[in-house]
Amino acid sequence: MKIQRLCAVVIGAIGCAAAFSASAAATPPEGDVLRTDLAKGVTDAPVSIVTEAGRPTTLIVQNLVLKPGADSGWHTHDGTEFSVITAGGVALQQAPGCAVVRYGQGQAVFIPAGVPHRVENDGPVDATVVVNYTLPAGAPPRGDSPDVCGK
């Protein structure tokens, strides 16, 4: 009798689990859908994008081309910058450490809000970067900054 009850409980539990675990069917796209990746990059740096609760945020996506020898000058952003180098390479210098770090095609760069930095194309070919800014609504994409590292 105990075995019959145990079997009934187990069968009931399996039946309930099966009934509740039925997943929704996938819904494939309909119509003409074309997706184009603009950039894909990899970083091992920690990434954190934080916005102020209750305050609108603007996302700006730019394609930036730096000719050989071009330099952005020292600047900051009121929000985070997350970029992918899609061609060539760039040298990034940022406060507080001031070390110059080179990034090449396929690498991602994350710069937290308010960090003074500059980007230079010190290579022989154009450097192309897809840049994403997450900014407080109404904030300009860039603000000039003094040279904090003595270039």
Protein backbone atom coordinates (compact mmCIF):
# COMPACT_ATOMS: atom_id res chain seq x y z
CA MET A 1 0.00 0.00 0.00
CA LYS A 2 2.80 2.40 0.87
CA ILE A 3 4.51 1.65 -2.45
CA GLN A 4 1.27 2.32 -4.37
CA ARG A 5 0.82 5.67 -2.63
CA LEU A 6 4.46 6.59 -3.24
CA CYS A 7 4.07 5.69 -6.93
CA ALA A 8 0.92 7.79 -7.18
CA VAL A 9 2.68 10.78 -5.60
CA VAL A 10 5.70 10.43 -7.90
CA ILE A 11 3.54 10.06 -11.02
CA GLY A 12 1.45 13.05 -9.94
CA ALA A 13 4.55 15.17 -9.38
CA ILE A 14 5.98 14.21 -12.77
CA GLY A 15 2.66 15.04 -14.44
CA CYS A 16 2.50 18.46 -12.74
CA ALA A 17 6.09 19.22 -13.63
CA ALA A 18 5.46 18.32 -17.27
CA ALA A 19 2.33 20.46 -17.40
CA PHE A 20 4.04 23.52 -15.93
CA SER A 21 7.31 23.16 -17.83
CA ALA A 22 5.80 23.48 -21.29
CA SER A 23 7.70 26.33 -22.86
CA ALA A 24 6.36 28.85 -25.34
CA ALA A 25 7.06 28.12 -28.97
CA ALA A 26 9.69 30.30 -30.63
CA THR A 27 8.40 33.01 -32.95
CA PRO A 28 10.60 33.51 -36.01
CA PRO A 29 10.77 36.92 -37.71
CA GLU A 30 8.18 37.63 -40.38
CA GLY A 31 8.57 39.71 -43.51
CA ASP A 32 11.80 41.20 -44.78
CA VAL A 33 14.16 41.69 -41.85
CA LEU A 34 17.74 42.75 -42.51
CA ARG A 35 20.20 43.09 -39.66
CA THR A 36 23.64 44.63 -40.19
CA ASP A 37 26.31 44.52 -37.51
CA LEU A 38 28.04 47.90 -37.41
CA ALA A 39 30.80 46.75 -35.11
CA LYS A 40 31.78 43.86 -32.88
CA GLY A 41 34.57 44.13 -30.36
CA VAL A 42 35.89 42.30 -27.35
CA THR A 43 37.16 43.74 -24.07
CA ASP A 44 38.31 42.21 -20.82
CA ALA A 45 37.80 45.51 -18.98
CA PRO A 46 34.85 45.73 -16.58
CA VAL A 47 31.90 47.59 -18.08
CA SER A 48 29.31 49.50 -16.05
CA ILE A 49 26.74 51.85 -17.53
CA VAL A 50 24.72 53.63 -14.86
CA THR A 51 22.11 56.29 -15.49
CA GLU A 52 20.31 58.48 -13.00
CA ALA A 53 16.90 57.07 -12.09
CA GLY A 54 14.00 59.13 -13.39
CA ARG A 55 16.22 61.17 -15.71
CA PRO A 56 16.07 60.80 -19.50
CA THR A 57 19.12 59.35 -21.23
CA THR A 58 20.38 59.91 -24.76
CA LEU A 59 22.24 57.27 -26.77
CA ILE A 60 24.46 58.62 -29.55
CA VAL A 61 26.16 56.30 -32.04
CA GLN A 62 28.86 57.82 -34.26
CA ASN A 63 31.26 56.58 -36.90
CA LEU A 64 34.59 58.27 -36.19
CA VAL A 65 37.43 58.37 -38.73
CA LEU A 66 40.86 59.52 -37.54
CA LYS A 67 43.37 60.18 -40.30
CA PRO A 68 47.02 59.26 -39.63
CA GLY A 69 48.41 61.73 -37.09
CA ALA A 70 44.95 62.93 -35.96
CA ASP A 71 44.47 63.53 -32.23
CA SER A 72 41.14 64.08 -30.43
CA GLY A 73 42.68 66.40 -27.85
CA TRP A 74 41.96 66.00 -24.16
CA HIS A 75 38.24 65.74 -23.42
CA THR A 76 35.58 64.14 -21.23
CA HIS A 77 32.00 62.92 -21.61
CA ASP A 78 29.13 63.38 -19.16
CA GLY A 79 28.22 59.72 -19.74
CA THR A 80 29.96 56.50 -20.65
CA GLU A 81 31.72 55.87 -23.94
CA PHE A 82 31.82 52.36 -25.36
CA SER A 83 33.60 52.01 -28.70
CA VAL A 84 34.79 49.37 -31.16
CA ILE A 85 37.77 49.85 -33.46
CA THR A 86 36.61 48.66 -36.89
CA ALA A 87 39.73 49.50 -38.94
CA GLY A 88 43.30 50.58 -38.23
CA GLY A 89 44.30 51.31 -34.67
CA VAL A 90 44.33 54.03 -32.02
CA ALA A 91 46.39 54.99 -29.00
CA LEU A 92 44.31 55.89 -25.93
CA GLN A 93 45.68 57.88 -23.01
CA GLN A 94 43.47 58.49 -19.99
CA ALA A 95 43.68 59.82 -16.47
CA PRO A 96 44.69 59.05 -13.82
CA GLY A 97 47.42 56.59 -14.90
CA CYS A 98 48.31 58.35 -18.17
CA ALA A 99 49.72 55.18 -19.77
CA VAL A 100 49.20 54.99 -23.54
CA VAL A 101 47.31 51.83 -24.55
CA ARG A 102 46.99 50.78 -28.19
CA TYR A 103 43.83 49.20 -29.55
CA GLY A 104 43.38 47.55 -32.94
CA GLN A 105 40.60 46.31 -35.16
CA GLY A 106 38.08 44.17 -33.29
CA GLN A 107 38.90 45.52 -29.86
CA ALA A 108 36.38 47.33 -27.67
CA VAL A 109 37.18 50.31 -25.45
CA PHE A 110 35.14 51.40 -22.41
CA ILE A 111 35.66 54.84 -20.86
CA PRO A 112 33.65 55.75 -17.74
CA ALA A 113 31.83 59.08 -17.49
CA GLY A 114 33.95 62.07 -16.57
CA VAL A 115 37.37 60.46 -17.22
CA PRO A 116 39.72 62.83 -19.11
CA HIS A 117 41.24 61.11 -22.14
CA ARG A 118 42.59 61.57 -25.64
CA VAL A 119 42.71 59.31 -28.68
CA GLU A 120 45.38 59.46 -31.37
CA ASN A 121 45.88 57.65 -34.64
CA ASP A 122 49.61 57.05 -34.51
CA GLY A 123 49.48 54.55 -37.37
CA PRO A 124 49.96 54.87 -41.14
CA VAL A 125 46.31 54.23 -42.17
CA ASP A 126 42.90 55.66 -41.27
CA ALA A 127 41.47 54.45 -37.96
CA THR A 128 37.71 53.90 -37.92
CA VAL A 129 35.80 53.61 -34.66
CA VAL A 130 32.10 53.08 -33.95
CA VAL A 131 31.50 55.16 -30.82
CA ASN A 132 28.51 54.85 -28.46
CA TYR A 133 27.81 57.52 -25.86
CA THR A 134 25.22 57.07 -23.10
CA LEU A 135 24.61 60.62 -21.89
CA PRO A 136 22.16 62.54 -19.74
CA ALA A 137 19.54 63.98 -22.11
CA GLY A 138 20.64 67.35 -23.44
CA ALA A 139 24.32 66.87 -22.56
CA PRO A 140 26.82 67.51 -25.34
CA PRO A 141 28.70 64.44 -26.58
CA ARG A 142 32.05 65.94 -25.59
CA GLY A 143 33.60 68.60 -23.35
CA ASP A 144 37.16 69.90 -23.65
CA SER A 145 39.57 69.07 -20.82
CA PRO A 146 43.03 70.32 -19.89
CA ASP A 147 46.00 68.03 -20.59
CA VAL A 148 46.12 66.11 -17.31
CA CYS A 149 49.12 63.96 -18.27
CA GLY A 150 51.50 66.35 -19.99
CA LYS A 151 50.82 64.42 -23.21
